[in-house]
Amino acid sequence: MLLDFEKPIVALEAKLEDMRRLATDSDVNVNEAVKSLEEKIKHLKKETFHNLTRWQRVQLSRHPDRPYALDYIYEMTDDFIELHGDRTVKDDKAMIGGLGTIDGQTFMILGQQKGRNTKDRQMRNFGMPNPEGYRKALRLMKIAEKFNKPIVTLIDTPGAYPGLEAEERGQAEAIARNLKEMFMLKVPVICIVIGEGASGGALGIAIGDRVLMLENTWYSVISPESCSSILWRSWEYKEEAAEALKLAAKDMLGLKLIDGIIKEPLGGAHINIKEMAKTVKETILEATAQLKALSEQERIDQRIEKFSKMGEIVE
């Protein structure tokens, strides 16, 4: 799938491939032309991806080739044991979690998981957890606390599942309980938005000592499309809504709603999944080392203070 702003780059890359093929199949010397075109493509990529609009970053966060939670987990960990079920209703496939070893350290890693194809998307409920998903996440976080293991959450959801059955089983209560309990966890908690960070669905696993965002992700109380449909009674104004919501990583950092931005490979995380996973892994290990230097109470106090300051008005 090609996004609109990627098409000029792909067109030049196709032209470059033709030139290389010509050089291989004939005696024509096109080395200078190839070098010139490579520089042009490199410059265009930098210009394009350094100046993306907020809506374009939303599009990039939804790219079908973008790595999902399990992609990161399998790339970062030496082993991973997935744990299932909330011990009440069922195992929510939209919320995954388990124990994984990163450079000899054991972590409890949680995340929302989307699907690659139609069947997988249906099984994963398009990355939209039900209440049992948030209850499973909390159960696993409590296990991590019991055995003194740091927690990593990978956030990528268009929102918690809004169906009637989810509300009947206590969707709002499940998310609210997670918020309350995550504030008081005694172990280090690192939360990373790897794709979409929509509303309470994202916030339900996003209360941490470090809240970070990948460069081309978004984090907001509502998606641009839903905001557009409420304000303008149409989805046609989603780009304007994205600008108004200020939902990009730079906006979130400027508003002090997150603690940092993780840089992506030029072109997006899907361009080089191994490089992206390595960067995320290094960020996790660095943050963990910093947080382990603090006492349990210091971490809890700082966590509460950080979130309490959000939205604070000084007259």
C-alpha atoms as a PDB file:
ATOM      1  CA  MET A   1       0.000   0.000   0.000  1.00  0.00           C
ATOM      2  CA  LEU A   2       1.316   3.422  -1.000  1.00  0.00           C
ATOM      3  CA  LEU A   3       0.425   6.598   0.848  1.00  0.00           C
ATOM      4  CA  ASP A   4      -0.067   9.720  -1.285  1.00  0.00           C
ATOM      5  CA  PHE A   5       3.062  11.450  -0.018  1.00  0.00           C
ATOM      6  CA  GLU A   6       5.159   8.332  -0.740  1.00  0.00           C
ATOM      7  CA  LYS A   7       4.253   8.167  -4.456  1.00  0.00           C
ATOM      8  CA  PRO A   8       6.834  10.722  -5.745  1.00  0.00           C
ATOM      9  CA  ILE A   9       9.581   8.844  -3.876  1.00  0.00           C
ATOM     10  CA  VAL A  10       8.486   5.462  -5.235  1.00  0.00           C
ATOM     11  CA  ALA A  11       8.337   6.879  -8.773  1.00  0.00           C
ATOM     12  CA  LEU A  12      11.957   8.062  -8.516  1.00  0.00           C
ATOM     13  CA  GLU A  13      13.038   4.735  -7.003  1.00  0.00           C
ATOM     14  CA  ALA A  14      11.442   2.914  -9.958  1.00  0.00           C
ATOM     15  CA  LYS A  15      13.335   5.196 -12.330  1.00  0.00           C
ATOM     16  CA  LEU A  16      16.555   4.478 -10.442  1.00  0.00           C
ATOM     17  CA  GLU A  17      15.963   0.743 -10.771  1.00  0.00           C
ATOM     18  CA  ASP A  18      15.459   1.138 -14.526  1.00  0.00           C
ATOM     19  CA  MET A  19      18.737   3.006 -14.814  1.00  0.00           C
ATOM     20  CA  ARG A  20      20.596   0.319 -12.881  1.00  0.00           C
ATOM     21  CA  ARG A  21      19.064  -2.341 -15.102  1.00  0.00           C
ATOM     22  CA  LEU A  22      20.164  -0.393 -18.182  1.00  0.00           C
ATOM     23  CA  ALA A  23      23.717  -0.234 -16.843  1.00  0.00           C
ATOM     24  CA  THR A  24      23.694  -4.014 -16.271  1.00  0.00           C
ATOM     25  CA  ASP A  25      22.192  -4.951 -19.650  1.00  0.00           C
ATOM     26  CA  SER A  26      24.295  -2.622 -21.811  1.00  0.00           C
ATOM     27  CA  ASP A  27      27.650  -0.891 -22.005  1.00  0.00           C
ATOM     28  CA  VAL A  28      26.126   2.536 -21.393  1.00  0.00           C
ATOM     29  CA  ASN A  29      27.834   4.345 -18.496  1.00  0.00           C
ATOM     30  CA  VAL A  30      25.125   5.849 -16.309  1.00  0.00           C
ATOM     31  CA  ASN A  31      27.078   5.960 -13.043  1.00  0.00           C
ATOM     32  CA  GLU A  32      26.881   9.732 -12.745  1.00  0.00           C
ATOM     33  CA  ALA A  33      23.156   9.756 -13.483  1.00  0.00           C
ATOM     34  CA  VAL A  34      22.562   6.978 -10.940  1.00  0.00           C
ATOM     35  CA  LYS A  35      24.556   8.814  -8.274  1.00  0.00           C
ATOM     36  CA  SER A  36      22.674  12.048  -8.983  1.00  0.00           C
ATOM     37  CA  LEU A  37      19.300  10.302  -8.765  1.00  0.00           C
ATOM     38  CA  GLU A  38      20.258   8.556  -5.510  1.00  0.00           C
ATOM     39  CA  GLU A  39      21.096  11.934  -3.979  1.00  0.00           C
ATOM     40  CA  LYS A  40      17.816  13.352  -5.254  1.00  0.00           C
ATOM     41  CA  ILE A  41      15.841  10.472  -3.691  1.00  0.00           C
ATOM     42  CA  LYS A  42      17.696  10.846  -0.385  1.00  0.00           C
ATOM     43  CA  HIS A  43      16.987  14.579  -0.295  1.00  0.00           C
ATOM     44  CA  LEU A  44      13.308  14.069  -1.209  1.00  0.00           C
ATOM     45  CA  LYS A  45      12.880  11.443   1.518  1.00  0.00           C
ATOM     46  CA  LYS A  46      14.380  13.723   4.165  1.00  0.00           C
ATOM     47  CA  GLU A  47      12.283  16.677   3.052  1.00  0.00           C
ATOM     48  CA  THR A  48       9.087  14.606   2.885  1.00  0.00           C
ATOM     49  CA  PHE A  49       9.358  12.737   6.176  1.00  0.00           C
ATOM     50  CA  HIS A  50      10.727  15.643   8.207  1.00  0.00           C
ATOM     51  CA  ASN A  51       7.781  17.824   7.180  1.00  0.00           C
ATOM     52  CA  LEU A  52       4.832  15.457   7.485  1.00  0.00           C
ATOM     53  CA  THR A  53       1.508  16.936   8.536  1.00  0.00           C
ATOM     54  CA  ARG A  54      -0.244  15.534  11.577  1.00  0.00           C
ATOM     55  CA  TRP A  55      -2.713  13.659   9.359  1.00  0.00           C
ATOM     56  CA  GLN A  56       0.150  12.134   7.354  1.00  0.00           C
ATOM     57  CA  ARG A  57       1.693  10.859  10.589  1.00  0.00           C
ATOM     58  CA  VAL A  58      -1.670   9.313  11.489  1.00  0.00           C
ATOM     59  CA  GLN A  59      -1.653   7.578   8.090  1.00  0.00           C
ATOM     60  CA  LEU A  60       1.899   6.360   8.660  1.00  0.00           C
ATOM     61  CA  SER A  61       0.974   5.008  12.106  1.00  0.00           C
ATOM     62  CA  ARG A  62      -1.652   2.836  10.374  1.00  0.00           C
ATOM     63  CA  HIS A  63       0.592   1.578   7.572  1.00  0.00           C
ATOM     64  CA  PRO A  64      -0.277  -2.114   6.986  1.00  0.00           C
ATOM     65  CA  ASP A  65       3.403  -3.091   7.039  1.00  0.00           C
ATOM     66  CA  ARG A  66       4.129  -1.261  10.276  1.00  0.00           C
ATOM     67  CA  PRO A  67       5.436  -3.565  13.053  1.00  0.00           C
ATOM     68  CA  TYR A  68       2.909  -4.563  15.699  1.00  0.00           C
ATOM     69  CA  ALA A  69       3.459  -5.496  19.340  1.00  0.00           C
ATOM     70  CA  LEU A  70       4.386  -9.142  18.691  1.00  0.00           C
ATOM     71  CA  ASP A  71       6.832  -8.110  15.949  1.00  0.00           C
ATOM     72  CA  TYR A  72       8.722  -6.014  18.493  1.00  0.00           C
ATOM     73  CA  ILE A  73       8.508  -8.693  21.158  1.00  0.00           C
ATOM     74  CA  TYR A  74       9.940 -11.430  18.937  1.00  0.00           C
ATOM     75  CA  GLU A  75      12.715  -9.129  17.684  1.00  0.00           C
ATOM     76  CA  MET A  76      13.684  -7.792  21.130  1.00  0.00           C
ATOM     77  CA  THR A  77      13.423 -10.852  23.357  1.00  0.00           C
ATOM     78  CA  ASP A  78      15.588 -13.946  23.531  1.00  0.00           C
ATOM     79  CA  ASP A  79      12.495 -15.888  24.531  1.00  0.00           C
ATOM     80  CA  PHE A  80       8.854 -15.029  25.162  1.00  0.00           C
ATOM     81  CA  ILE A  81       6.223 -16.960  27.084  1.00  0.00           C
ATOM     82  CA  GLU A  82       2.733 -15.631  26.376  1.00  0.00           C
ATOM     83  CA  LEU A  83       0.254 -15.777  29.244  1.00  0.00           C
ATOM     84  CA  HIS A  84      -3.489 -15.986  28.659  1.00  0.00           C
ATOM     85  CA  GLY A  85      -6.852 -15.181  30.198  1.00  0.00           C
ATOM     86  CA  ASP A  86      -8.291 -12.822  32.783  1.00  0.00           C
ATOM     87  CA  ARG A  87      -9.519 -15.690  35.034  1.00  0.00           C
ATOM     88  CA  THR A  88     -13.055 -14.302  34.750  1.00  0.00           C
ATOM     89  CA  VAL A  89     -14.451 -14.334  31.198  1.00  0.00           C
ATOM     90  CA  LYS A  90     -11.984 -15.369  28.482  1.00  0.00           C
ATOM     91  CA  ASP A  91      -8.668 -14.672  26.781  1.00  0.00           C
ATOM     92  CA  ASP A  92      -8.853 -11.413  24.814  1.00  0.00           C
ATOM     93  CA  LYS A  93      -6.708 -11.827  21.688  1.00  0.00           C
ATOM     94  CA  ALA A  94      -6.539  -8.041  21.171  1.00  0.00           C
ATOM     95  CA  MET A  95      -4.422  -7.750  24.330  1.00  0.00           C
ATOM     96  CA  ILE A  96      -1.286  -9.869  24.486  1.00  0.00           C
ATOM     97  CA  GLY A  97       1.205 -10.256  27.292  1.00  0.00           C
ATOM     98  CA  GLY A  98       3.823 -12.464  28.819  1.00  0.00           C
ATOM     99  CA  LEU A  99       7.346 -12.812  30.143  1.00  0.00           C
ATOM    100  CA  GLY A 100      10.294 -12.085  27.875  1.00  0.00           C
ATOM    101  CA  THR A 101      14.050 -11.845  28.366  1.00  0.00           C
ATOM    102  CA  ILE A 102      15.920  -8.828  26.975  1.00  0.00           C
ATOM    103  CA  ASP A 103      19.702  -8.997  27.364  1.00  0.00           C
ATOM    104  CA  GLY A 104      19.409 -11.258  30.382  1.00  0.00           C
ATOM    105  CA  GLN A 105      16.707  -9.213  32.131  1.00  0.00           C
ATOM    106  CA  THR A 106      13.170 -10.555  32.457  1.00  0.00           C
ATOM    107  CA  PHE A 107      10.314  -8.182  31.635  1.00  0.00           C
ATOM    108  CA  MET A 108       6.549  -8.468  31.664  1.00  0.00           C
ATOM    109  CA  ILE A 109       5.646  -7.194  28.199  1.00  0.00           C
ATOM    110  CA  LEU A 110       2.074  -6.226  27.303  1.00  0.00           C
ATOM    111  CA  GLY A 111       0.530  -4.739  24.211  1.00  0.00           C
ATOM    112  CA  GLN A 112      -2.433  -4.380  21.911  1.00  0.00           C
ATOM    113  CA  GLN A 113      -2.089  -6.590  18.851  1.00  0.00           C
ATOM    114  CA  LYS A 114      -3.626  -5.936  15.425  1.00  0.00           C
ATOM    115  CA  GLY A 115      -3.934  -8.455  12.592  1.00  0.00           C
ATOM    116  CA  ARG A 116      -2.220  -8.666   9.214  1.00  0.00           C
ATOM    117  CA  ASN A 117      -5.052 -10.255   7.220  1.00  0.00           C
ATOM    118  CA  THR A 118      -8.840 -10.383   7.440  1.00  0.00           C
ATOM    119  CA  LYS A 119      -8.987 -13.559   9.535  1.00  0.00           C
ATOM    120  CA  ASP A 120      -6.270 -12.356  11.897  1.00  0.00           C
ATOM    121  CA  ARG A 121      -7.880  -8.919  12.243  1.00  0.00           C
ATOM    122  CA  GLN A 122     -11.174 -10.516  13.235  1.00  0.00           C
ATOM    123  CA  MET A 123      -9.448 -12.751  15.787  1.00  0.00           C
ATOM    124  CA  ARG A 124      -7.589  -9.733  17.224  1.00  0.00           C
ATOM    125  CA  ASN A 125     -10.739  -7.577  17.044  1.00  0.00           C
ATOM    126  CA  PHE A 126      -8.741  -4.974  15.060  1.00  0.00           C
ATOM    127  CA  GLY A 127      -6.615  -4.267  18.146  1.00  0.00           C
ATOM    128  CA  MET A 128      -9.619  -3.122  20.213  1.00  0.00           C
ATOM    129  CA  PRO A 129      -9.590  -4.848  23.626  1.00  0.00           C
ATOM    130  CA  ASN A 130     -12.682  -5.836  25.583  1.00  0.00           C
ATOM    131  CA  PRO A 131     -12.860  -5.476  29.390  1.00  0.00           C
ATOM    132  CA  GLU A 132     -11.299  -8.916  29.833  1.00  0.00           C
ATOM    133  CA  GLY A 133      -8.281  -7.663  27.875  1.00  0.00           C
ATOM    134  CA  TYR A 134      -7.665  -4.879  30.400  1.00  0.00           C
ATOM    135  CA  ARG A 135      -8.304  -7.295  33.267  1.00  0.00           C
ATOM    136  CA  LYS A 136      -5.782  -9.722  31.778  1.00  0.00           C
ATOM    137  CA  ALA A 137      -3.279  -6.865  31.478  1.00  0.00           C
ATOM    138  CA  LEU A 138      -3.778  -5.942  35.136  1.00  0.00           C
ATOM    139  CA  ARG A 139      -3.452  -9.584  36.223  1.00  0.00           C
ATOM    140  CA  LEU A 140      -0.115  -9.836  34.411  1.00  0.00           C
ATOM    141  CA  MET A 141       1.093  -6.518  35.840  1.00  0.00           C
ATOM    142  CA  LYS A 142       0.325  -7.781  39.332  1.00  0.00           C
ATOM    143  CA  ILE A 143       2.327 -10.949  38.594  1.00  0.00           C
ATOM    144  CA  ALA A 144       5.235  -8.752  37.488  1.00  0.00           C
ATOM    145  CA  GLU A 145       4.963  -6.767  40.729  1.00  0.00           C
ATOM    146  CA  LYS A 146       4.906  -9.960  42.801  1.00  0.00           C
ATOM    147  CA  PHE A 147       8.112 -11.248  41.216  1.00  0.00           C
ATOM    148  CA  ASN A 148       9.747  -7.801  40.935  1.00  0.00           C
ATOM    149  CA  LYS A 149       9.929  -7.707  37.128  1.00  0.00           C
ATOM    150  CA  PRO A 150       9.834  -4.409  35.159  1.00  0.00           C
ATOM    151  CA  ILE A 151       6.787  -3.845  32.950  1.00  0.00           C
ATOM    152  CA  VAL A 152       6.808  -2.703  29.321  1.00  0.00           C
ATOM    153  CA  THR A 153       3.571  -1.828  27.517  1.00  0.00           C
ATOM    154  CA  LEU A 154       3.339  -1.407  23.731  1.00  0.00           C
ATOM    155  CA  ILE A 155       0.351   0.747  22.806  1.00  0.00           C
ATOM    156  CA  ASP A 156      -1.331   0.435  19.416  1.00  0.00           C
ATOM    157  CA  THR A 157      -5.114   0.636  19.358  1.00  0.00           C
ATOM    158  CA  PRO A 158      -7.873   2.595  17.612  1.00  0.00           C
ATOM    159  CA  GLY A 159      -9.651   2.468  20.983  1.00  0.00           C
ATOM    160  CA  ALA A 160     -11.234   0.066  23.437  1.00  0.00           C
ATOM    161  CA  TYR A 161     -14.012  -2.006  21.861  1.00  0.00           C
ATOM    162  CA  PRO A 162     -17.199   0.142  21.916  1.00  0.00           C
ATOM    163  CA  GLY A 163     -19.725  -2.712  21.578  1.00  0.00           C
ATOM    164  CA  LEU A 164     -22.755  -3.202  23.801  1.00  0.00           C
ATOM    165  CA  GLU A 165     -21.405  -6.458  25.248  1.00  0.00           C
ATOM    166  CA  ALA A 166     -18.151  -4.714  26.258  1.00  0.00           C
ATOM    167  CA  GLU A 167     -20.121  -2.047  28.132  1.00  0.00           C
ATOM    168  CA  GLU A 168     -22.263  -4.719  29.773  1.00  0.00           C
ATOM    169  CA  ARG A 169     -19.136  -6.451  31.076  1.00  0.00           C
ATOM    170  CA  GLY A 170     -17.739  -3.203  32.509  1.00  0.00           C
ATOM    171  CA  GLN A 171     -15.424  -1.637  29.944  1.00  0.00           C
ATOM    172  CA  ALA A 172     -15.193   1.723  31.726  1.00  0.00           C
ATOM    173  CA  GLU A 173     -14.623   0.116  35.135  1.00  0.00           C
ATOM    174  CA  ALA A 174     -11.874  -2.159  33.779  1.00  0.00           C
ATOM    175  CA  ILE A 175      -9.962   0.772  32.266  1.00  0.00           C
ATOM    176  CA  ALA A 176     -10.491   2.960  35.347  1.00  0.00           C
ATOM    177  CA  ARG A 177      -9.206   0.190  37.627  1.00  0.00           C
ATOM    178  CA  ASN A 178      -6.090  -0.176  35.484  1.00  0.00           C
ATOM    179  CA  LEU A 179      -5.412   3.563  35.777  1.00  0.00           C
ATOM    180  CA  LYS A 180      -5.709   3.418  39.549  1.00  0.00           C
ATOM    181  CA  GLU A 181      -3.630   0.267  39.974  1.00  0.00           C
ATOM    182  CA  MET A 182      -0.851   1.305  37.559  1.00  0.00           C
ATOM    183  CA  PHE A 183      -0.179   4.445  39.594  1.00  0.00           C
ATOM    184  CA  MET A 184       0.709   2.258  42.578  1.00  0.00           C
ATOM    185  CA  LEU A 185       2.785  -0.474  40.909  1.00  0.00           C
ATOM    186  CA  LYS A 186       6.067  -0.936  42.781  1.00  0.00           C
ATOM    187  CA  VAL A 187       8.108  -1.994  39.748  1.00  0.00           C
ATOM    188  CA  PRO A 188       9.395   0.184  36.860  1.00  0.00           C
ATOM    189  CA  VAL A 189       6.750   0.757  34.170  1.00  0.00           C
ATOM    190  CA  ILE A 190       7.713   1.848  30.644  1.00  0.00           C
ATOM    191  CA  CYS A 191       4.923   2.650  28.162  1.00  0.00           C
ATOM    192  CA  ILE A 192       5.604   3.082  24.435  1.00  0.00           C
ATOM    193  CA  VAL A 193       3.103   4.177  21.778  1.00  0.00           C
ATOM    194  CA  ILE A 194       4.151   2.152  18.706  1.00  0.00           C
ATOM    195  CA  GLY A 195       1.190   3.032  16.455  1.00  0.00           C
ATOM    196  CA  GLU A 196      -2.216   4.431  17.330  1.00  0.00           C
ATOM    197  CA  GLY A 197      -2.898   5.719  20.818  1.00  0.00           C
ATOM    198  CA  ALA A 198      -6.621   6.378  20.923  1.00  0.00           C
ATOM    199  CA  SER A 199      -8.586   7.440  23.970  1.00  0.00           C
ATOM    200  CA  GLY A 200      -9.059   5.321  27.101  1.00  0.00           C
ATOM    201  CA  GLY A 201      -8.253   2.226  25.064  1.00  0.00           C
ATOM    202  CA  ALA A 202      -4.642   3.384  24.964  1.00  0.00           C
ATOM    203  CA  LEU A 203      -4.616   4.983  28.418  1.00  0.00           C
ATOM    204  CA  GLY A 204      -5.685   1.675  30.024  1.00  0.00           C
ATOM    205  CA  ILE A 205      -2.088   0.420  29.736  1.00  0.00           C
ATOM    206  CA  ALA A 206      -0.280   3.777  29.531  1.00  0.00           C
ATOM    207  CA  ILE A 207       0.296   4.932  33.122  1.00  0.00           C
ATOM    208  CA  GLY A 208       4.026   4.606  33.578  1.00  0.00           C
ATOM    209  CA  ASP A 209       7.265   6.061  34.878  1.00  0.00           C
ATOM    210  CA  ARG A 210       8.287   6.680  31.266  1.00  0.00           C
ATOM    211  CA  VAL A 211       5.709   7.280  28.545  1.00  0.00           C
ATOM    212  CA  LEU A 212       7.340   7.411  25.124  1.00  0.00           C
ATOM    213  CA  MET A 213       6.132   7.684  21.524  1.00  0.00           C
ATOM    214  CA  LEU A 214       7.629   6.556  18.276  1.00  0.00           C
ATOM    215  CA  GLU A 215       8.185   9.436  15.875  1.00  0.00           C
ATOM    216  CA  ASN A 216       5.268   8.647  13.537  1.00  0.00           C
ATOM    217  CA  THR A 217       2.546   7.781  16.022  1.00  0.00           C
ATOM    218  CA  TRP A 218      -0.371   9.640  17.554  1.00  0.00           C
ATOM    219  CA  TYR A 219      -1.938   9.863  21.000  1.00  0.00           C
ATOM    220  CA  SER A 220      -5.280  11.550  21.568  1.00  0.00           C
ATOM    221  CA  VAL A 221      -8.633  11.417  23.302  1.00  0.00           C
ATOM    222  CA  ILE A 222     -10.308  10.790  19.925  1.00  0.00           C
ATOM    223  CA  SER A 223      -9.344   9.835  16.377  1.00  0.00           C
ATOM    224  CA  PRO A 224      -9.321  12.552  13.669  1.00  0.00           C
ATOM    225  CA  GLU A 225     -12.204  10.830  11.817  1.00  0.00           C
ATOM    226  CA  SER A 226     -14.432  10.651  14.895  1.00  0.00           C
ATOM    227  CA  CYS A 227     -13.582  14.238  15.832  1.00  0.00           C
ATOM    228  CA  SER A 228     -14.469  15.332  12.300  1.00  0.00           C
ATOM    229  CA  SER A 229     -17.791  13.479  12.371  1.00  0.00           C
ATOM    230  CA  ILE A 230     -18.749  15.148  15.674  1.00  0.00           C
ATOM    231  CA  LEU A 231     -17.688  18.703  14.839  1.00  0.00           C
ATOM    232  CA  TRP A 232     -18.433  18.813  11.114  1.00  0.00           C
ATOM    233  CA  ARG A 233     -20.943  15.940  10.762  1.00  0.00           C
ATOM    234  CA  SER A 234     -18.623  14.454   8.154  1.00  0.00           C
ATOM    235  CA  TRP A 235     -15.340  12.512   7.937  1.00  0.00           C
ATOM    236  CA  GLU A 236     -14.162  14.858   5.182  1.00  0.00           C
ATOM    237  CA  TYR A 237     -12.501  17.208   7.685  1.00  0.00           C
ATOM    238  CA  LYS A 238     -10.234  14.613   9.298  1.00  0.00           C
ATOM    239  CA  GLU A 239      -7.085  16.504   8.257  1.00  0.00           C
ATOM    240  CA  GLU A 240      -8.322  19.702   9.916  1.00  0.00           C
ATOM    241  CA  ALA A 241      -9.313  17.664  12.974  1.00  0.00           C
ATOM    242  CA  ALA A 242      -5.830  16.131  13.200  1.00  0.00           C
ATOM    243  CA  GLU A 243      -4.263  19.597  13.158  1.00  0.00           C
ATOM    244  CA  ALA A 244      -6.667  20.884  15.812  1.00  0.00           C
ATOM    245  CA  LEU A 245      -6.141  17.866  18.087  1.00  0.00           C
ATOM    246  CA  LYS A 246      -2.347  18.325  18.138  1.00  0.00           C
ATOM    247  CA  LEU A 247      -1.921  14.575  18.457  1.00  0.00           C
ATOM    248  CA  ALA A 248       1.588  14.027  17.055  1.00  0.00           C
ATOM    249  CA  ALA A 249       4.585  13.027  19.160  1.00  0.00           C
ATOM    250  CA  LYS A 250       6.134  16.523  19.029  1.00  0.00           C
ATOM    251  CA  ASP A 251       2.852  18.023  20.249  1.00  0.00           C
ATOM    252  CA  MET A 252       2.628  15.546  23.122  1.00  0.00           C
ATOM    253  CA  LEU A 253       6.210  16.247  24.171  1.00  0.00           C
ATOM    254  CA  GLY A 254       5.650  20.008  23.978  1.00  0.00           C
ATOM    255  CA  LEU A 255       2.578  19.674  26.204  1.00  0.00           C
ATOM    256  CA  LYS A 256       4.587  17.484  28.629  1.00  0.00           C
ATOM    257  CA  LEU A 257       2.168  14.600  28.213  1.00  0.00           C
ATOM    258  CA  ILE A 258       4.972  12.201  27.289  1.00  0.00           C
ATOM    259  CA  ASP A 259       8.602  11.886  28.358  1.00  0.00           C
ATOM    260  CA  GLY A 260      10.322  11.394  25.031  1.00  0.00           C
ATOM    261  CA  ILE A 261      10.225  10.531  21.328  1.00  0.00           C
ATOM    262  CA  ILE A 262      11.891   7.466  19.795  1.00  0.00           C
ATOM    263  CA  LYS A 263      13.260   8.204  16.342  1.00  0.00           C
ATOM    264  CA  GLU A 264      12.171   5.975  13.452  1.00  0.00           C
ATOM    265  CA  PRO A 265      14.163   4.969  10.354  1.00  0.00           C
ATOM    266  CA  LEU A 266      13.717   7.421   7.483  1.00  0.00           C
ATOM    267  CA  GLY A 267      10.434   6.453   5.845  1.00  0.00           C
ATOM    268  CA  GLY A 268       8.835   4.949   8.942  1.00  0.00           C
ATOM    269  CA  ALA A 269       9.205   1.971  11.288  1.00  0.00           C
ATOM    270  CA  HIS A 270       8.114  -0.478   8.558  1.00  0.00           C
ATOM    271  CA  ILE A 271      11.124   0.388   6.385  1.00  0.00           C
ATOM    272  CA  ASN A 272      13.521  -1.427   8.723  1.00  0.00           C
ATOM    273  CA  ILE A 273      11.794  -3.414  11.459  1.00  0.00           C
ATOM    274  CA  LYS A 274      15.031  -4.842  12.882  1.00  0.00           C
ATOM    275  CA  GLU A 275      16.574  -1.385  13.259  1.00  0.00           C
ATOM    276  CA  MET A 276      13.382  -0.047  14.827  1.00  0.00           C
ATOM    277  CA  ALA A 277      13.172  -2.950  17.293  1.00  0.00           C
ATOM    278  CA  LYS A 278      16.838  -2.466  18.212  1.00  0.00           C
ATOM    279  CA  THR A 279      16.208   1.225  18.963  1.00  0.00           C
ATOM    280  CA  VAL A 280      13.159   0.393  21.102  1.00  0.00           C
ATOM    281  CA  LYS A 281      15.129  -2.314  22.916  1.00  0.00           C
ATOM    282  CA  GLU A 282      17.981   0.092  23.724  1.00  0.00           C
ATOM    283  CA  THR A 283      15.474   2.688  24.940  1.00  0.00           C
ATOM    284  CA  ILE A 284      13.812   0.141  27.237  1.00  0.00           C
ATOM    285  CA  LEU A 285      17.127  -0.987  28.736  1.00  0.00           C
ATOM    286  CA  GLU A 286      18.298   2.598  29.294  1.00  0.00           C
ATOM    287  CA  ALA A 287      15.018   3.645  30.939  1.00  0.00           C
ATOM    288  CA  THR A 288      14.991   0.517  33.114  1.00  0.00           C
ATOM    289  CA  ALA A 289      18.500   1.222  34.397  1.00  0.00           C
ATOM    290  CA  GLN A 290      17.481   4.785  35.320  1.00  0.00           C
ATOM    291  CA  LEU A 291      14.302   3.652  37.076  1.00  0.00           C
ATOM    292  CA  LYS A 292      15.966   0.834  39.012  1.00  0.00           C
ATOM    293  CA  ALA A 293      18.261   3.447  40.571  1.00  0.00           C
ATOM    294  CA  LEU A 294      15.189   4.872  42.350  1.00  0.00           C
ATOM    295  CA  SER A 295      13.399   3.343  45.309  1.00  0.00           C
ATOM    296  CA  GLU A 296       9.869   1.928  44.942  1.00  0.00           C
ATOM    297  CA  GLN A 297       8.330   4.896  46.743  1.00  0.00           C
ATOM    298  CA  GLU A 298      10.320   7.423  44.714  1.00  0.00           C
ATOM    299  CA  ARG A 299       9.032   5.880  41.484  1.00  0.00           C
ATOM    300  CA  ILE A 300       5.435   5.911  42.702  1.00  0.00           C
ATOM    301  CA  ASP A 301       5.684   9.511  43.961  1.00  0.00           C
ATOM    302  CA  GLN A 302       7.220  10.729  40.700  1.00  0.00           C
ATOM    303  CA  ARG A 303       4.627   8.840  38.644  1.00  0.00           C
ATOM    304  CA  ILE A 304       1.740  10.395  40.562  1.00  0.00           C
ATOM    305  CA  GLU A 305       3.295  13.866  40.454  1.00  0.00           C
ATOM    306  CA  LYS A 306       3.888  13.665  36.693  1.00  0.00           C
ATOM    307  CA  PHE A 307       0.304  12.765  35.840  1.00  0.00           C
ATOM    308  CA  SER A 308      -1.136  15.148  38.428  1.00  0.00           C
ATOM    309  CA  LYS A 309       0.543  18.082  36.663  1.00  0.00           C
ATOM    310  CA  MET A 310      -1.120  17.310  33.324  1.00  0.00           C
ATOM    311  CA  GLY A 311      -3.775  19.874  32.488  1.00  0.00           C
ATOM    312  CA  GLU A 312      -2.800  22.001  35.476  1.00  0.00           C
ATOM    313  CA  ILE A 313      -3.839  25.645  35.256  1.00  0.00           C
ATOM    314  CA  VAL A 314      -1.916  28.387  37.047  1.00  0.00           C
ATOM    315  CA  GLU A 315      -3.654  31.743  37.523  1.00  0.00           C
END
